[in-house]
Amino acid sequence: MSTSPNSEEFYEKLKGQLYETTNWPSEYLYKFIIKSDADKSEKLEAIFNNMGAVISKVASKNGKYTSVSINLRMSSPETVIEKYKEVAEKVEGVISL
């Protein structure tokens, strides 16, 4: 699933799917792709800081991009979507999967 930033229609559809397929609270896995840049990586990690998130990063073959997986317990689909919106707002050029 790829997001177009600030697409309320997309977020409403995601919220419905999350309610239908998951019992909350639940573990949720965020996946992002960012340009390999320490500043972008720090901004992304800071959004999930102090939440008990397990963060793993893998650089692309040529090192230009980094895949970031963030696994943590979320209380509801609304909290999941709040984090997606915060990431889109604070980390320029991020791709949400």
N, C-alpha and C. Protein backbone atom coordinates (compact mmCIF):
# COMPACT_ATOMS: atom_id res chain seq x y z
N MET A 1 0.85 -1.16 0.00
CA MET A 1 0.00 0.00 0.00
C MET A 1 0.89 1.22 0.00
N SER A 2 0.72 2.06 -0.96
CA SER A 2 1.50 3.28 -1.06
C SER A 2 0.56 4.45 -0.81
N THR A 3 1.01 5.41 -0.04
CA THR A 3 0.13 6.52 0.30
C THR A 3 0.43 7.73 -0.54
N SER A 4 -0.61 8.44 -0.88
CA SER A 4 -0.42 9.78 -1.42
C SER A 4 -0.62 10.69 -0.22
N PRO A 5 0.38 11.51 0.11
CA PRO A 5 0.34 12.30 1.34
C PRO A 5 -0.96 13.10 1.47
N ASN A 6 -1.47 13.13 2.69
CA ASN A 6 -2.64 13.91 3.05
C ASN A 6 -3.91 13.51 2.31
N SER A 7 -4.02 12.29 1.87
CA SER A 7 -5.21 11.81 1.19
C SER A 7 -6.20 11.27 2.22
N GLU A 8 -7.17 12.09 2.59
CA GLU A 8 -8.13 11.69 3.62
C GLU A 8 -8.92 10.46 3.18
N GLU A 9 -9.22 10.36 1.90
CA GLU A 9 -9.95 9.20 1.39
C GLU A 9 -9.14 7.93 1.62
N PHE A 10 -7.83 8.00 1.36
CA PHE A 10 -6.96 6.85 1.59
C PHE A 10 -6.98 6.46 3.07
N TYR A 11 -6.84 7.44 3.96
CA TYR A 11 -6.78 7.16 5.39
C TYR A 11 -8.10 6.59 5.91
N GLU A 12 -9.22 7.07 5.40
CA GLU A 12 -10.51 6.53 5.81
C GLU A 12 -10.65 5.06 5.39
N LYS A 13 -10.21 4.76 4.18
CA LYS A 13 -10.26 3.38 3.70
C LYS A 13 -9.36 2.48 4.55
N LEU A 14 -8.15 2.97 4.86
CA LEU A 14 -7.22 2.21 5.69
C LEU A 14 -7.82 1.96 7.07
N LYS A 15 -8.42 2.99 7.66
CA LYS A 15 -9.03 2.84 8.99
C LYS A 15 -10.09 1.74 8.98
N GLY A 16 -10.93 1.74 7.95
CA GLY A 16 -11.96 0.71 7.84
C GLY A 16 -11.36 -0.69 7.73
N GLN A 17 -10.31 -0.81 6.90
CA GLN A 17 -9.66 -2.11 6.73
C GLN A 17 -9.02 -2.58 8.03
N LEU A 18 -8.41 -1.66 8.76
CA LEU A 18 -7.76 -2.04 10.02
C LEU A 18 -8.78 -2.49 11.06
N TYR A 19 -9.93 -1.83 11.12
CA TYR A 19 -10.97 -2.25 12.05
C TYR A 19 -11.53 -3.62 11.67
N GLU A 20 -11.66 -3.90 10.37
CA GLU A 20 -12.23 -5.16 9.91
C GLU A 20 -11.29 -6.35 10.12
N THR A 21 -9.99 -6.12 10.03
CA THR A 21 -9.05 -7.24 10.00
C THR A 21 -8.25 -7.45 11.28
N THR A 22 -8.38 -6.55 12.25
CA THR A 22 -7.50 -6.61 13.41
C THR A 22 -8.26 -6.35 14.69
N ASN A 23 -7.90 -7.06 15.75
CA ASN A 23 -8.42 -6.79 17.09
C ASN A 23 -7.47 -5.83 17.77
N TRP A 24 -8.01 -4.72 18.27
CA TRP A 24 -7.17 -3.67 18.87
C TRP A 24 -7.24 -3.70 20.37
N PRO A 25 -6.15 -3.35 21.07
CA PRO A 25 -4.82 -2.95 20.58
C PRO A 25 -4.09 -4.11 19.92
N SER A 26 -3.14 -3.77 19.04
CA SER A 26 -2.46 -4.79 18.27
C SER A 26 -1.07 -4.32 17.84
N GLU A 27 -0.23 -5.31 17.50
CA GLU A 27 1.07 -4.98 16.91
C GLU A 27 0.81 -4.45 15.50
N TYR A 28 1.58 -3.44 15.09
CA TYR A 28 1.45 -2.89 13.74
C TYR A 28 2.84 -2.69 13.16
N LEU A 29 3.00 -3.05 11.90
CA LEU A 29 4.29 -2.92 11.23
C LEU A 29 4.21 -1.80 10.20
N TYR A 30 4.95 -0.74 10.46
CA TYR A 30 5.09 0.36 9.49
C TYR A 30 6.29 0.05 8.61
N LYS A 31 6.18 0.38 7.33
CA LYS A 31 7.32 0.24 6.42
C LYS A 31 7.45 1.54 5.63
N PHE A 32 8.67 2.06 5.61
CA PHE A 32 8.94 3.31 4.92
C PHE A 32 10.20 3.16 4.08
N ILE A 33 10.30 3.96 3.04
CA ILE A 33 11.52 4.07 2.27
C ILE A 33 11.92 5.55 2.28
N ILE A 34 13.17 5.79 2.64
CA ILE A 34 13.70 7.16 2.65
C ILE A 34 15.04 7.18 1.92
N LYS A 35 15.43 8.38 1.46
CA LYS A 35 16.77 8.51 0.92
C LYS A 35 17.74 8.28 2.08
N SER A 36 18.86 7.64 1.79
CA SER A 36 19.85 7.37 2.84
C SER A 36 20.47 8.68 3.27
N ASP A 37 19.95 9.20 4.36
CA ASP A 37 20.35 10.50 4.88
C ASP A 37 20.16 10.43 6.40
N ALA A 38 21.21 10.69 7.13
CA ALA A 38 21.14 10.57 8.60
C ALA A 38 20.06 11.46 9.19
N ASP A 39 19.87 12.67 8.64
CA ASP A 39 18.87 13.59 9.15
C ASP A 39 17.46 13.01 8.99
N LYS A 40 17.16 12.46 7.81
CA LYS A 40 15.84 11.87 7.57
C LYS A 40 15.61 10.67 8.49
N SER A 41 16.64 9.86 8.65
CA SER A 41 16.54 8.69 9.51
C SER A 41 16.28 9.10 10.96
N GLU A 42 16.97 10.11 11.43
CA GLU A 42 16.77 10.58 12.81
C GLU A 42 15.37 11.15 13.00
N LYS A 43 14.88 11.91 12.03
CA LYS A 43 13.52 12.47 12.13
C LYS A 43 12.49 11.35 12.20
N LEU A 44 12.66 10.34 11.35
CA LEU A 44 11.72 9.22 11.33
C LEU A 44 11.74 8.47 12.66
N GLU A 45 12.93 8.16 13.15
CA GLU A 45 13.03 7.44 14.42
C GLU A 45 12.48 8.25 15.59
N ALA A 46 12.67 9.57 15.56
CA ALA A 46 12.20 10.43 16.65
C ALA A 46 10.67 10.39 16.78
N ILE A 47 9.98 10.20 15.67
CA ILE A 47 8.51 10.15 15.70
C ILE A 47 8.03 8.95 16.52
N PHE A 48 8.79 7.88 16.52
CA PHE A 48 8.40 6.66 17.23
C PHE A 48 9.20 6.46 18.52
N ASN A 49 9.97 7.46 18.92
CA ASN A 49 10.81 7.38 20.11
C ASN A 49 9.95 7.21 21.37
N ASN A 50 10.45 6.44 22.32
CA ASN A 50 9.80 6.21 23.62
C ASN A 50 8.43 5.55 23.51
N MET A 51 8.23 4.77 22.44
CA MET A 51 6.96 4.06 22.29
C MET A 51 7.16 2.56 22.34
N GLY A 52 8.39 2.11 22.56
CA GLY A 52 8.69 0.69 22.57
C GLY A 52 8.80 0.09 21.18
N ALA A 53 9.09 0.93 20.20
CA ALA A 53 9.17 0.47 18.81
C ALA A 53 10.46 -0.32 18.57
N VAL A 54 10.32 -1.35 17.74
CA VAL A 54 11.48 -2.10 17.26
C VAL A 54 11.72 -1.61 15.83
N ILE A 55 12.88 -0.98 15.62
CA ILE A 55 13.18 -0.35 14.33
C ILE A 55 14.32 -1.10 13.67
N SER A 56 14.11 -1.47 12.41
CA SER A 56 15.20 -2.10 11.64
C SER A 56 15.34 -1.36 10.31
N LYS A 57 16.58 -1.24 9.87
CA LYS A 57 16.88 -0.52 8.63
C LYS A 57 17.74 -1.38 7.73
N VAL A 58 17.47 -1.28 6.43
CA VAL A 58 18.26 -1.99 5.43
C VAL A 58 18.53 -1.03 4.29
N ALA A 59 19.81 -0.85 3.96
CA ALA A 59 20.18 0.03 2.85
C ALA A 59 19.97 -0.69 1.53
N SER A 60 19.62 0.07 0.49
CA SER A 60 19.47 -0.53 -0.84
C SER A 60 20.85 -0.96 -1.35
N LYS A 61 20.84 -1.72 -2.42
CA LYS A 61 22.09 -2.28 -2.95
C LYS A 61 23.12 -1.19 -3.25
N ASN A 62 22.68 -0.08 -3.82
CA ASN A 62 23.62 0.99 -4.13
C ASN A 62 23.76 2.01 -3.00
N GLY A 63 23.01 1.83 -1.92
CA GLY A 63 23.13 2.70 -0.75
C GLY A 63 22.39 4.02 -0.86
N LYS A 64 21.63 4.22 -1.93
CA LYS A 64 20.94 5.50 -2.13
C LYS A 64 19.70 5.62 -1.25
N TYR A 65 19.03 4.49 -0.99
CA TYR A 65 17.80 4.49 -0.20
C TYR A 65 17.92 3.54 0.98
N THR A 66 17.08 3.78 1.98
CA THR A 66 17.03 2.92 3.16
C THR A 66 15.59 2.52 3.40
N SER A 67 15.38 1.22 3.62
CA SER A 67 14.07 0.69 3.99
C SER A 67 14.03 0.66 5.52
N VAL A 68 12.99 1.23 6.10
CA VAL A 68 12.86 1.28 7.55
C VAL A 68 11.57 0.55 7.95
N SER A 69 11.70 -0.46 8.80
CA SER A 69 10.55 -1.19 9.34
C SER A 69 10.44 -0.83 10.81
N ILE A 70 9.22 -0.50 11.22
CA ILE A 70 8.98 -0.10 12.61
C ILE A 70 7.81 -0.92 13.13
N ASN A 71 8.07 -1.73 14.13
CA ASN A 71 7.05 -2.60 14.71
C ASN A 71 6.75 -2.13 16.13
N LEU A 72 5.47 -1.88 16.40
CA LEU A 72 5.11 -1.49 17.76
C LEU A 72 3.63 -1.75 18.01
N ARG A 73 3.28 -1.73 19.27
CA ARG A 73 1.90 -1.96 19.69
C ARG A 73 1.15 -0.63 19.60
N MET A 74 0.05 -0.66 18.85
CA MET A 74 -0.78 0.54 18.70
C MET A 74 -2.15 0.27 19.30
N SER A 75 -2.81 1.32 19.78
CA SER A 75 -4.08 1.14 20.48
C SER A 75 -5.29 1.09 19.56
N SER A 76 -5.21 1.72 18.36
CA SER A 76 -6.36 1.76 17.47
C SER A 76 -5.94 2.16 16.06
N PRO A 77 -6.81 1.96 15.08
CA PRO A 77 -6.49 2.42 13.73
C PRO A 77 -6.25 3.93 13.66
N GLU A 78 -6.94 4.69 14.50
CA GLU A 78 -6.74 6.15 14.51
C GLU A 78 -5.30 6.50 14.90
N THR A 79 -4.75 5.78 15.88
CA THR A 79 -3.37 6.07 16.29
C THR A 79 -2.38 5.65 15.20
N VAL A 80 -2.69 4.58 14.47
CA VAL A 80 -1.85 4.16 13.35
C VAL A 80 -1.80 5.28 12.31
N ILE A 81 -2.97 5.80 11.96
CA ILE A 81 -3.07 6.83 10.93
C ILE A 81 -2.44 8.13 11.38
N GLU A 82 -2.57 8.48 12.66
CA GLU A 82 -1.92 9.69 13.18
C GLU A 82 -0.41 9.64 12.93
N LYS A 83 0.19 8.48 13.14
CA LYS A 83 1.65 8.34 12.93
C LYS A 83 1.99 8.46 11.45
N TYR A 84 1.18 7.84 10.57
CA TYR A 84 1.43 7.99 9.13
C TYR A 84 1.41 9.47 8.73
N LYS A 85 0.43 10.21 9.24
CA LYS A 85 0.31 11.64 8.91
C LYS A 85 1.49 12.42 9.46
N GLU A 86 1.91 12.10 10.68
CA GLU A 86 3.05 12.79 11.29
C GLU A 86 4.32 12.54 10.49
N VAL A 87 4.53 11.31 10.05
CA VAL A 87 5.71 10.98 9.24
C VAL A 87 5.67 11.77 7.93
N ALA A 88 4.51 11.77 7.26
CA ALA A 88 4.38 12.48 5.98
C ALA A 88 4.66 13.98 6.14
N GLU A 89 4.28 14.52 7.30
CA GLU A 89 4.46 15.94 7.56
C GLU A 89 5.91 16.29 7.91
N LYS A 90 6.59 15.42 8.64
CA LYS A 90 7.91 15.76 9.18
C LYS A 90 9.10 15.22 8.39
N VAL A 91 8.89 14.18 7.57
CA VAL A 91 10.01 13.57 6.85
C VAL A 91 9.79 13.76 5.34
N GLU A 92 10.52 14.68 4.78
CA GLU A 92 10.36 15.02 3.36
C GLU A 92 10.75 13.85 2.47
N GLY A 93 9.91 13.56 1.47
CA GLY A 93 10.23 12.54 0.48
C GLY A 93 10.04 11.11 0.94
N VAL A 94 9.43 10.89 2.09
CA VAL A 94 9.23 9.54 2.60
C VAL A 94 8.19 8.81 1.75
N ILE A 95 8.40 7.53 1.55
CA ILE A 95 7.43 6.67 0.87
C ILE A 95 6.90 5.69 1.91
N SER A 96 5.59 5.67 2.10
CA SER A 96 4.96 4.74 3.04
C SER A 96 4.46 3.54 2.28
N LEU A 97 4.75 2.36 2.81
CA LEU A 97 4.30 1.13 2.16
C LEU A 97 3.27 0.42 3.03
